[in-house]
Amino acid sequence: MSARRKRRAANGEVHNDERWMASYMDMVTVLMCMFIVLFAMSTVDAEKFQALSNSLATGFGQEASDKVDLSDGYVVPAELRSEETEQEPTPLDLAKQELQNLVEIRDRIDAALKQAGLREAVAFDIDEHGLIIRLVGAETYFTGNSVELSELAQRVLTIVGGVLSTIPNEIRVEGHADPHGSPGPFPTDWELASGRAARVVRYFVEQGSLAPERAVAIGYGSARPITARTDEEGMALNRRVDLVVVSDQPEDVRALLPALYDQLEAATTAGQ
């Protein structure tokens, strides 16, 4: 040992380099954290992991599902799909559905009248207001130039009222007369037409077919003829009472009903 080293040792000035211990402690800390993470990963909930795995497989197209929005690639809950993917019905869609409803009502009345042998006593039509049940030929339903219902009229109205009592629609009863004037006791066609409409409404209400709040009576007099013919048959067509099952759809939907009904009737006729 040299004389210089001997002097340093004697004076206590020699120190060991301990900086390597800091790096060693950092490495041990990192290793400890890594093992903690590995331990946590080894205790994953098996059910949650399987659900996640299935969802990922479905989203990437590995498994078929009827609950997947393929355009976005993720599983869409049913309650959200019904709100986001279903389109609002168009006026045409609503009109077609409403036409089907009205035709079903017509067919029920038609079948009941056929069973009673009274099918020829009425005519049907559908316009922008709804289903029209037309009682054509006032003499068939009312005693001469009066508002009193004939026996046939009561039979027909009982059958029709039985169907009308099962639907929620408003029923509008419209009275019409021919343009040749009333010989009495009513001073004008309006009184005669209004009286006959009101008598039909009264019959429905008294028989329990309609609640008063569902029924409306209107008299048009001779202002709305359905034919311009002036012969006896033409005048008989204009002397009528129309029962209108009023559609509750918006105006733009109801405006499509006449054309759709014409198409339906044409297709039915062609298929016969």
C-alpha atoms as a PDB file:
ATOM      1  CA  MET A   1       0.000   0.000   0.000  1.00  0.00           C
ATOM      2  CA  SER A   2       1.377   3.362  -0.935  1.00  0.00           C
ATOM      3  CA  ALA A   3       2.105   6.014   1.575  1.00  0.00           C
ATOM      4  CA  ARG A   4      -0.830   8.229   0.229  1.00  0.00           C
ATOM      5  CA  ARG A   5      -3.435   5.462   0.658  1.00  0.00           C
ATOM      6  CA  LYS A   6      -2.122   4.688   4.110  1.00  0.00           C
ATOM      7  CA  ARG A   7      -2.527   8.314   5.115  1.00  0.00           C
ATOM      8  CA  ARG A   8      -6.213   8.441   3.786  1.00  0.00           C
ATOM      9  CA  ALA A   9      -7.131   5.256   5.634  1.00  0.00           C
ATOM     10  CA  ALA A  10      -5.583   6.584   8.778  1.00  0.00           C
ATOM     11  CA  ASN A  11      -7.506   9.844   8.535  1.00  0.00           C
ATOM     12  CA  GLY A  12     -10.935   8.005   7.816  1.00  0.00           C
ATOM     13  CA  GLU A  13     -11.499   9.701   4.405  1.00  0.00           C
ATOM     14  CA  VAL A  14     -12.269   6.490   2.341  1.00  0.00           C
ATOM     15  CA  HIS A  15     -16.156   6.076   1.361  1.00  0.00           C
ATOM     16  CA  ASN A  16     -17.894   3.258  -0.640  1.00  0.00           C
ATOM     17  CA  ASP A  17     -20.050   4.302  -3.739  1.00  0.00           C
ATOM     18  CA  GLU A  18     -23.699   3.330  -2.826  1.00  0.00           C
ATOM     19  CA  ARG A  19     -25.609   5.027  -5.756  1.00  0.00           C
ATOM     20  CA  TRP A  20     -26.372   1.623  -7.330  1.00  0.00           C
ATOM     21  CA  MET A  21     -28.866   0.933  -4.540  1.00  0.00           C
ATOM     22  CA  ALA A  22     -31.318   3.607  -5.851  1.00  0.00           C
ATOM     23  CA  SER A  23     -31.528   1.971  -9.286  1.00  0.00           C
ATOM     24  CA  TYR A  24     -31.960  -1.418  -7.676  1.00  0.00           C
ATOM     25  CA  MET A  25     -34.876  -0.212  -5.559  1.00  0.00           C
ATOM     26  CA  ASP A  26     -36.596   1.349  -8.596  1.00  0.00           C
ATOM     27  CA  MET A  27     -36.342  -1.944 -10.472  1.00  0.00           C
ATOM     28  CA  VAL A  28     -37.803  -3.885  -7.548  1.00  0.00           C
ATOM     29  CA  THR A  29     -40.729  -1.429  -7.344  1.00  0.00           C
ATOM     30  CA  VAL A  30     -41.512  -1.834 -11.049  1.00  0.00           C
ATOM     31  CA  LEU A  31     -41.391  -5.617 -10.772  1.00  0.00           C
ATOM     32  CA  MET A  32     -43.740  -5.524  -7.811  1.00  0.00           C
ATOM     33  CA  CYS A  33     -46.269  -3.403  -9.734  1.00  0.00           C
ATOM     34  CA  MET A  34     -46.071  -5.730 -12.719  1.00  0.00           C
ATOM     35  CA  PHE A  35     -46.821  -8.790 -10.565  1.00  0.00           C
ATOM     36  CA  ILE A  36     -49.774  -7.000  -8.927  1.00  0.00           C
ATOM     37  CA  VAL A  37     -51.249  -6.237 -12.362  1.00  0.00           C
ATOM     38  CA  LEU A  38     -50.738  -9.828 -13.500  1.00  0.00           C
ATOM     39  CA  PHE A  39     -52.443 -11.079 -10.361  1.00  0.00           C
ATOM     40  CA  ALA A  40     -55.425  -8.765 -10.910  1.00  0.00           C
ATOM     41  CA  MET A  41     -55.773  -9.895 -14.515  1.00  0.00           C
ATOM     42  CA  SER A  42     -55.763 -13.525 -13.446  1.00  0.00           C
ATOM     43  CA  THR A  43     -58.986 -12.965 -11.364  1.00  0.00           C
ATOM     44  CA  VAL A  44     -61.238 -11.485 -14.149  1.00  0.00           C
ATOM     45  CA  ASP A  45     -64.972 -12.314 -13.836  1.00  0.00           C
ATOM     46  CA  ALA A  46     -65.466 -15.217 -16.252  1.00  0.00           C
ATOM     47  CA  GLU A  47     -69.069 -14.248 -17.148  1.00  0.00           C
ATOM     48  CA  LYS A  48     -68.176 -10.638 -17.914  1.00  0.00           C
ATOM     49  CA  PHE A  49     -65.212 -11.713 -19.960  1.00  0.00           C
ATOM     50  CA  GLN A  50     -67.368 -14.169 -21.958  1.00  0.00           C
ATOM     51  CA  ALA A  51     -70.029 -11.497 -22.575  1.00  0.00           C
ATOM     52  CA  LEU A  52     -67.357  -9.101 -23.796  1.00  0.00           C
ATOM     53  CA  SER A  53     -65.885 -11.790 -26.020  1.00  0.00           C
ATOM     54  CA  ASN A  54     -69.286 -12.616 -27.550  1.00  0.00           C
ATOM     55  CA  SER A  55     -70.081  -8.968 -28.172  1.00  0.00           C
ATOM     56  CA  LEU A  56     -66.770  -8.377 -29.906  1.00  0.00           C
ATOM     57  CA  ALA A  57     -67.208 -11.512 -32.018  1.00  0.00           C
ATOM     58  CA  THR A  58     -70.711 -10.428 -33.088  1.00  0.00           C
ATOM     59  CA  GLY A  59     -69.642  -6.851 -33.759  1.00  0.00           C
ATOM     60  CA  PHE A  60     -66.859  -8.001 -36.051  1.00  0.00           C
ATOM     61  CA  GLY A  61     -69.174 -10.332 -37.955  1.00  0.00           C
ATOM     62  CA  GLN A  62     -67.880 -13.625 -36.556  1.00  0.00           C
ATOM     63  CA  GLU A  63     -71.297 -14.603 -35.170  1.00  0.00           C
ATOM     64  CA  ALA A  64     -74.742 -13.910 -36.648  1.00  0.00           C
ATOM     65  CA  SER A  65     -77.149 -11.738 -34.654  1.00  0.00           C
ATOM     66  CA  ASP A  66     -80.450 -10.023 -35.379  1.00  0.00           C
ATOM     67  CA  LYS A  67     -79.584  -7.277 -32.908  1.00  0.00           C
ATOM     68  CA  VAL A  68     -76.549  -5.854 -34.674  1.00  0.00           C
ATOM     69  CA  ASP A  69     -76.458  -2.615 -36.587  1.00  0.00           C
ATOM     70  CA  LEU A  70     -73.979  -3.737 -39.258  1.00  0.00           C
ATOM     71  CA  SER A  71     -73.514  -0.234 -40.585  1.00  0.00           C
ATOM     72  CA  ASP A  72     -71.942   0.822 -37.259  1.00  0.00           C
ATOM     73  CA  GLY A  73     -70.502  -2.508 -36.152  1.00  0.00           C
ATOM     74  CA  TYR A  74     -71.858  -2.624 -32.625  1.00  0.00           C
ATOM     75  CA  VAL A  75     -74.677  -4.306 -30.732  1.00  0.00           C
ATOM     76  CA  VAL A  76     -77.747  -2.055 -30.484  1.00  0.00           C
ATOM     77  CA  PRO A  77     -80.128  -2.640 -27.573  1.00  0.00           C
ATOM     78  CA  ALA A  78     -83.731  -3.399 -28.578  1.00  0.00           C
ATOM     79  CA  GLU A  79     -85.135  -0.291 -26.901  1.00  0.00           C
ATOM     80  CA  LEU A  80     -82.765   1.916 -28.895  1.00  0.00           C
ATOM     81  CA  ARG A  81     -83.251   0.075 -32.185  1.00  0.00           C
ATOM     82  CA  SER A  82     -86.997   0.695 -32.096  1.00  0.00           C
ATOM     83  CA  GLU A  83     -86.421   4.431 -31.755  1.00  0.00           C
ATOM     84  CA  GLU A  84     -83.456   4.944 -34.047  1.00  0.00           C
ATOM     85  CA  THR A  85     -83.929   2.509 -36.914  1.00  0.00           C
ATOM     86  CA  GLU A  86     -87.706   2.582 -37.486  1.00  0.00           C
ATOM     87  CA  GLN A  87     -88.822   5.273 -39.906  1.00  0.00           C
ATOM     88  CA  GLU A  88     -91.889   7.433 -39.409  1.00  0.00           C
ATOM     89  CA  PRO A  89     -94.801   6.273 -41.613  1.00  0.00           C
ATOM     90  CA  THR A  90     -95.498   8.472 -44.619  1.00  0.00           C
ATOM     91  CA  PRO A  91     -98.971   9.915 -45.375  1.00  0.00           C
ATOM     92  CA  LEU A  92     -99.327   7.205 -48.036  1.00  0.00           C
ATOM     93  CA  ASP A  93     -98.549   4.486 -45.482  1.00  0.00           C
ATOM     94  CA  LEU A  94    -101.118   5.925 -43.095  1.00  0.00           C
ATOM     95  CA  ALA A  95    -103.688   6.254 -45.882  1.00  0.00           C
ATOM     96  CA  LYS A  96    -103.256   2.605 -46.873  1.00  0.00           C
ATOM     97  CA  GLN A  97    -103.707   1.508 -43.270  1.00  0.00           C
ATOM     98  CA  GLU A  98    -106.773   3.714 -42.846  1.00  0.00           C
ATOM     99  CA  LEU A  99    -108.265   2.384 -46.075  1.00  0.00           C
ATOM    100  CA  GLN A 100    -107.802  -1.154 -44.778  1.00  0.00           C
ATOM    101  CA  ASN A 101    -109.587  -0.227 -41.539  1.00  0.00           C
ATOM    102  CA  LEU A 102    -112.524   1.336 -43.388  1.00  0.00           C
ATOM    103  CA  VAL A 103    -112.788  -1.572 -45.816  1.00  0.00           C
ATOM    104  CA  GLU A 104    -112.923  -3.996 -42.880  1.00  0.00           C
ATOM    105  CA  ILE A 105    -115.838  -2.029 -41.402  1.00  0.00           C
ATOM    106  CA  ARG A 106    -117.566  -2.028 -44.800  1.00  0.00           C
ATOM    107  CA  ASP A 107    -117.101  -5.777 -45.195  1.00  0.00           C
ATOM    108  CA  ARG A 108    -118.515  -6.472 -41.734  1.00  0.00           C
ATOM    109  CA  ILE A 109    -121.644  -4.458 -42.491  1.00  0.00           C
ATOM    110  CA  ASP A 110    -121.888  -6.011 -45.941  1.00  0.00           C
ATOM    111  CA  ALA A 111    -121.702  -9.551 -44.534  1.00  0.00           C
ATOM    112  CA  ALA A 112    -124.340  -8.826 -41.867  1.00  0.00           C
ATOM    113  CA  LEU A 113    -126.737  -7.340 -44.434  1.00  0.00           C
ATOM    114  CA  LYS A 114    -126.219 -10.276 -46.804  1.00  0.00           C
ATOM    115  CA  GLN A 115    -127.043 -12.716 -44.032  1.00  0.00           C
ATOM    116  CA  ALA A 116    -130.315 -10.851 -43.433  1.00  0.00           C
ATOM    117  CA  GLY A 117    -131.107 -10.623 -47.156  1.00  0.00           C
ATOM    118  CA  LEU A 118    -130.811  -6.814 -47.120  1.00  0.00           C
ATOM    119  CA  ARG A 119    -127.567  -6.241 -49.016  1.00  0.00           C
ATOM    120  CA  GLU A 120    -129.292  -4.394 -51.875  1.00  0.00           C
ATOM    121  CA  ALA A 121    -130.714  -1.830 -49.475  1.00  0.00           C
ATOM    122  CA  VAL A 122    -127.440   0.111 -49.155  1.00  0.00           C
ATOM    123  CA  ALA A 123    -124.475   1.262 -51.234  1.00  0.00           C
ATOM    124  CA  PHE A 124    -120.926   1.900 -50.075  1.00  0.00           C
ATOM    125  CA  ASP A 125    -118.268   4.441 -50.960  1.00  0.00           C
ATOM    126  CA  ILE A 126    -115.071   5.839 -49.442  1.00  0.00           C
ATOM    127  CA  ASP A 127    -114.046   9.456 -49.922  1.00  0.00           C
ATOM    128  CA  GLU A 128    -111.812  11.973 -48.169  1.00  0.00           C
ATOM    129  CA  HIS A 129    -114.169  12.012 -45.161  1.00  0.00           C
ATOM    130  CA  GLY A 130    -114.317   8.271 -44.532  1.00  0.00           C
ATOM    131  CA  LEU A 131    -116.629   5.336 -45.205  1.00  0.00           C
ATOM    132  CA  ILE A 132    -120.074   6.214 -46.604  1.00  0.00           C
ATOM    133  CA  ILE A 133    -122.996   3.853 -46.002  1.00  0.00           C
ATOM    134  CA  ARG A 134    -125.597   5.195 -48.386  1.00  0.00           C
ATOM    135  CA  LEU A 135    -129.324   4.624 -47.799  1.00  0.00           C
ATOM    136  CA  VAL A 136    -130.496   5.366 -51.334  1.00  0.00           C
ATOM    137  CA  GLY A 137    -134.142   6.005 -52.193  1.00  0.00           C
ATOM    138  CA  ALA A 138    -135.801   7.847 -49.353  1.00  0.00           C
ATOM    139  CA  GLU A 139    -139.146   6.192 -50.076  1.00  0.00           C
ATOM    140  CA  THR A 140    -137.581   2.866 -49.027  1.00  0.00           C
ATOM    141  CA  TYR A 141    -136.628   4.178 -45.596  1.00  0.00           C
ATOM    142  CA  PHE A 142    -139.247   6.804 -44.803  1.00  0.00           C
ATOM    143  CA  THR A 143    -142.989   6.965 -45.131  1.00  0.00           C
ATOM    144  CA  GLY A 144    -144.232   9.387 -47.777  1.00  0.00           C
ATOM    145  CA  ASN A 145    -142.669  12.835 -47.464  1.00  0.00           C
ATOM    146  CA  SER A 146    -142.059  12.407 -43.729  1.00  0.00           C
ATOM    147  CA  VAL A 147    -139.293  11.620 -41.259  1.00  0.00           C
ATOM    148  CA  GLU A 148    -140.851   8.447 -39.901  1.00  0.00           C
ATOM    149  CA  LEU A 149    -138.729   5.336 -40.460  1.00  0.00           C
ATOM    150  CA  SER A 150    -140.191   2.415 -42.365  1.00  0.00           C
ATOM    151  CA  GLU A 151    -140.002  -1.137 -41.030  1.00  0.00           C
ATOM    152  CA  LEU A 152    -137.283  -1.931 -43.571  1.00  0.00           C
ATOM    153  CA  ALA A 153    -135.289   1.115 -42.480  1.00  0.00           C
ATOM    154  CA  GLN A 154    -135.383  -0.021 -38.864  1.00  0.00           C
ATOM    155  CA  ARG A 155    -134.137  -3.499 -39.797  1.00  0.00           C
ATOM    156  CA  VAL A 156    -131.278  -2.064 -41.853  1.00  0.00           C
ATOM    157  CA  LEU A 157    -130.304   0.500 -39.213  1.00  0.00           C
ATOM    158  CA  THR A 158    -130.334  -2.146 -36.474  1.00  0.00           C
ATOM    159  CA  ILE A 159    -127.847  -4.267 -38.422  1.00  0.00           C
ATOM    160  CA  VAL A 160    -125.643  -1.308 -39.358  1.00  0.00           C
ATOM    161  CA  GLY A 161    -125.787   0.074 -35.828  1.00  0.00           C
ATOM    162  CA  GLY A 162    -124.609  -3.248 -34.431  1.00  0.00           C
ATOM    163  CA  VAL A 163    -121.312  -2.829 -36.309  1.00  0.00           C
ATOM    164  CA  LEU A 164    -121.025   0.917 -35.665  1.00  0.00           C
ATOM    165  CA  SER A 165    -121.331   0.303 -31.921  1.00  0.00           C
ATOM    166  CA  THR A 166    -118.033  -1.625 -31.971  1.00  0.00           C
ATOM    167  CA  ILE A 167    -115.865   1.136 -33.466  1.00  0.00           C
ATOM    168  CA  PRO A 168    -114.725   4.443 -31.929  1.00  0.00           C
ATOM    169  CA  ASN A 169    -115.253   6.700 -34.982  1.00  0.00           C
ATOM    170  CA  GLU A 170    -117.629   9.619 -35.055  1.00  0.00           C
ATOM    171  CA  ILE A 171    -120.735   8.881 -37.163  1.00  0.00           C
ATOM    172  CA  ARG A 172    -122.120  11.731 -39.246  1.00  0.00           C
ATOM    173  CA  VAL A 173    -125.637  11.287 -40.628  1.00  0.00           C
ATOM    174  CA  GLU A 174    -126.283  13.464 -43.690  1.00  0.00           C
ATOM    175  CA  GLY A 175    -129.760  14.055 -45.074  1.00  0.00           C
ATOM    176  CA  HIS A 176    -130.241  14.879 -48.791  1.00  0.00           C
ATOM    177  CA  ALA A 177    -133.211  15.708 -51.002  1.00  0.00           C
ATOM    178  CA  ASP A 178    -133.813  16.063 -54.737  1.00  0.00           C
ATOM    179  CA  PRO A 179    -133.886  19.643 -56.123  1.00  0.00           C
ATOM    180  CA  HIS A 180    -137.598  19.643 -57.046  1.00  0.00           C
ATOM    181  CA  GLY A 181    -138.832  20.935 -53.743  1.00  0.00           C
ATOM    182  CA  SER A 182    -140.921  19.404 -50.999  1.00  0.00           C
ATOM    183  CA  PRO A 183    -144.711  19.501 -51.367  1.00  0.00           C
ATOM    184  CA  GLY A 184    -145.170  19.667 -47.616  1.00  0.00           C
ATOM    185  CA  PRO A 185    -145.462  19.617 -44.716  1.00  0.00           C
ATOM    186  CA  PHE A 186    -141.866  20.881 -44.753  1.00  0.00           C
ATOM    187  CA  PRO A 187    -141.449  24.329 -46.283  1.00  0.00           C
ATOM    188  CA  THR A 188    -137.981  23.546 -47.803  1.00  0.00           C
ATOM    189  CA  ASP A 189    -135.724  20.627 -48.633  1.00  0.00           C
ATOM    190  CA  TRP A 190    -133.458  21.597 -45.733  1.00  0.00           C
ATOM    191  CA  GLU A 191    -136.099  20.892 -43.109  1.00  0.00           C
ATOM    192  CA  LEU A 192    -136.994  17.566 -44.708  1.00  0.00           C
ATOM    193  CA  ALA A 193    -133.362  16.444 -45.129  1.00  0.00           C
ATOM    194  CA  SER A 194    -132.368  17.643 -41.640  1.00  0.00           C
ATOM    195  CA  GLY A 195    -135.398  15.978 -40.059  1.00  0.00           C
ATOM    196  CA  ARG A 196    -134.599  12.632 -41.658  1.00  0.00           C
ATOM    197  CA  ALA A 197    -130.953  12.805 -40.589  1.00  0.00           C
ATOM    198  CA  ALA A 198    -131.968  13.672 -37.035  1.00  0.00           C
ATOM    199  CA  ARG A 199    -134.468  10.797 -36.993  1.00  0.00           C
ATOM    200  CA  VAL A 200    -131.753   8.290 -37.937  1.00  0.00           C
ATOM    201  CA  VAL A 201    -129.446   9.646 -35.223  1.00  0.00           C
ATOM    202  CA  ARG A 202    -132.263   9.395 -32.702  1.00  0.00           C
ATOM    203  CA  TYR A 203    -132.889   5.787 -33.680  1.00  0.00           C
ATOM    204  CA  PHE A 204    -129.218   4.866 -33.213  1.00  0.00           C
ATOM    205  CA  VAL A 205    -129.038   6.566 -29.814  1.00  0.00           C
ATOM    206  CA  GLU A 206    -132.303   5.102 -28.553  1.00  0.00           C
ATOM    207  CA  GLN A 207    -131.268   1.608 -29.668  1.00  0.00           C
ATOM    208  CA  GLY A 208    -127.925   1.974 -27.893  1.00  0.00           C
ATOM    209  CA  SER A 209    -125.874   1.729 -31.081  1.00  0.00           C
ATOM    210  CA  LEU A 210    -124.277   5.155 -30.636  1.00  0.00           C
ATOM    211  CA  ALA A 211    -123.459   7.382 -27.701  1.00  0.00           C
ATOM    212  CA  PRO A 212    -124.879  10.893 -28.254  1.00  0.00           C
ATOM    213  CA  GLU A 213    -121.395  12.425 -28.350  1.00  0.00           C
ATOM    214  CA  ARG A 214    -120.432  10.212 -31.301  1.00  0.00           C
ATOM    215  CA  ALA A 215    -123.361  11.175 -33.532  1.00  0.00           C
ATOM    216  CA  VAL A 216    -123.911  14.235 -35.733  1.00  0.00           C
ATOM    217  CA  ALA A 217    -126.979  15.045 -37.870  1.00  0.00           C
ATOM    218  CA  ILE A 218    -126.604  17.348 -40.899  1.00  0.00           C
ATOM    219  CA  GLY A 219    -129.161  18.411 -43.501  1.00  0.00           C
ATOM    220  CA  TYR A 220    -127.818  19.431 -46.907  1.00  0.00           C
ATOM    221  CA  GLY A 221    -131.171  19.766 -48.630  1.00  0.00           C
ATOM    222  CA  SER A 222    -130.699  19.471 -52.388  1.00  0.00           C
ATOM    223  CA  ALA A 223    -127.303  21.241 -52.394  1.00  0.00           C
ATOM    224  CA  ARG A 224    -125.231  18.083 -52.896  1.00  0.00           C
ATOM    225  CA  PRO A 225    -126.817  15.795 -55.510  1.00  0.00           C
ATOM    226  CA  ILE A 226    -124.871  12.722 -56.598  1.00  0.00           C
ATOM    227  CA  THR A 227    -126.349  12.785 -60.097  1.00  0.00           C
ATOM    228  CA  ALA A 228    -127.596  15.454 -62.488  1.00  0.00           C
ATOM    229  CA  ARG A 229    -130.256  13.158 -63.914  1.00  0.00           C
ATOM    230  CA  THR A 230    -133.807  14.539 -63.778  1.00  0.00           C
ATOM    231  CA  ASP A 231    -135.707  11.298 -64.362  1.00  0.00           C
ATOM    232  CA  GLU A 232    -137.435   9.456 -61.548  1.00  0.00           C
ATOM    233  CA  GLU A 233    -134.503   7.116 -60.950  1.00  0.00           C
ATOM    234  CA  GLY A 234    -132.048  10.005 -60.797  1.00  0.00           C
ATOM    235  CA  MET A 235    -134.221  11.927 -58.334  1.00  0.00           C
ATOM    236  CA  ALA A 236    -134.521   8.807 -56.201  1.00  0.00           C
ATOM    237  CA  LEU A 237    -130.716   8.600 -56.025  1.00  0.00           C
ATOM    238  CA  ASN A 238    -130.534  12.171 -54.753  1.00  0.00           C
ATOM    239  CA  ARG A 239    -133.177  11.513 -52.077  1.00  0.00           C
ATOM    240  CA  ARG A 240    -130.938   9.708 -49.652  1.00  0.00           C
ATOM    241  CA  VAL A 241    -129.397   9.523 -46.193  1.00  0.00           C
ATOM    242  CA  ASP A 242    -125.650   8.958 -45.905  1.00  0.00           C
ATOM    243  CA  LEU A 243    -124.064   7.451 -42.808  1.00  0.00           C
ATOM    244  CA  VAL A 244    -120.428   8.576 -42.731  1.00  0.00           C
ATOM    245  CA  VAL A 245    -117.880   6.747 -40.596  1.00  0.00           C
ATOM    246  CA  VAL A 246    -115.582   9.744 -40.148  1.00  0.00           C
ATOM    247  CA  SER A 247    -111.848   9.095 -40.494  1.00  0.00           C
ATOM    248  CA  ASP A 248    -109.721  10.529 -37.690  1.00  0.00           C
ATOM    249  CA  GLN A 249    -106.598  10.844 -39.841  1.00  0.00           C
ATOM    250  CA  PRO A 250    -104.999  14.219 -40.785  1.00  0.00           C
ATOM    251  CA  GLU A 251    -106.231  15.997 -43.888  1.00  0.00           C
ATOM    252  CA  ASP A 252    -103.196  15.109 -46.021  1.00  0.00           C
ATOM    253  CA  VAL A 253    -103.777  11.412 -45.250  1.00  0.00           C
ATOM    254  CA  ARG A 254    -107.528  11.527 -45.881  1.00  0.00           C
ATOM    255  CA  ALA A 255    -106.978  13.257 -49.237  1.00  0.00           C
ATOM    256  CA  LEU A 256    -105.331  10.060 -50.532  1.00  0.00           C
ATOM    257  CA  LEU A 257    -108.240   7.767 -49.641  1.00  0.00           C
ATOM    258  CA  PRO A 258    -110.462   8.251 -52.754  1.00  0.00           C
ATOM    259  CA  ALA A 259    -107.707   7.377 -55.247  1.00  0.00           C
ATOM    260  CA  LEU A 260    -106.582   4.373 -53.190  1.00  0.00           C
ATOM    261  CA  TYR A 261    -110.159   3.134 -52.943  1.00  0.00           C
ATOM    262  CA  ASP A 262    -110.663   3.494 -56.703  1.00  0.00           C
ATOM    263  CA  GLN A 263    -107.511   1.437 -57.265  1.00  0.00           C
ATOM    264  CA  LEU A 264    -108.752  -1.221 -54.849  1.00  0.00           C
ATOM    265  CA  GLU A 265    -112.161  -1.429 -56.519  1.00  0.00           C
ATOM    266  CA  ALA A 266    -110.578  -1.611 -59.987  1.00  0.00           C
ATOM    267  CA  ALA A 267    -108.267  -4.420 -58.879  1.00  0.00           C
ATOM    268  CA  THR A 268    -111.180  -6.277 -57.272  1.00  0.00           C
ATOM    269  CA  THR A 269    -113.282  -5.958 -60.405  1.00  0.00           C
ATOM    270  CA  ALA A 270    -110.435  -7.117 -62.618  1.00  0.00           C
ATOM    271  CA  GLY A 271    -109.884 -10.162 -60.418  1.00  0.00           C
ATOM    272  CA  GLN A 272    -113.488 -11.307 -60.639  1.00  0.00           C
END
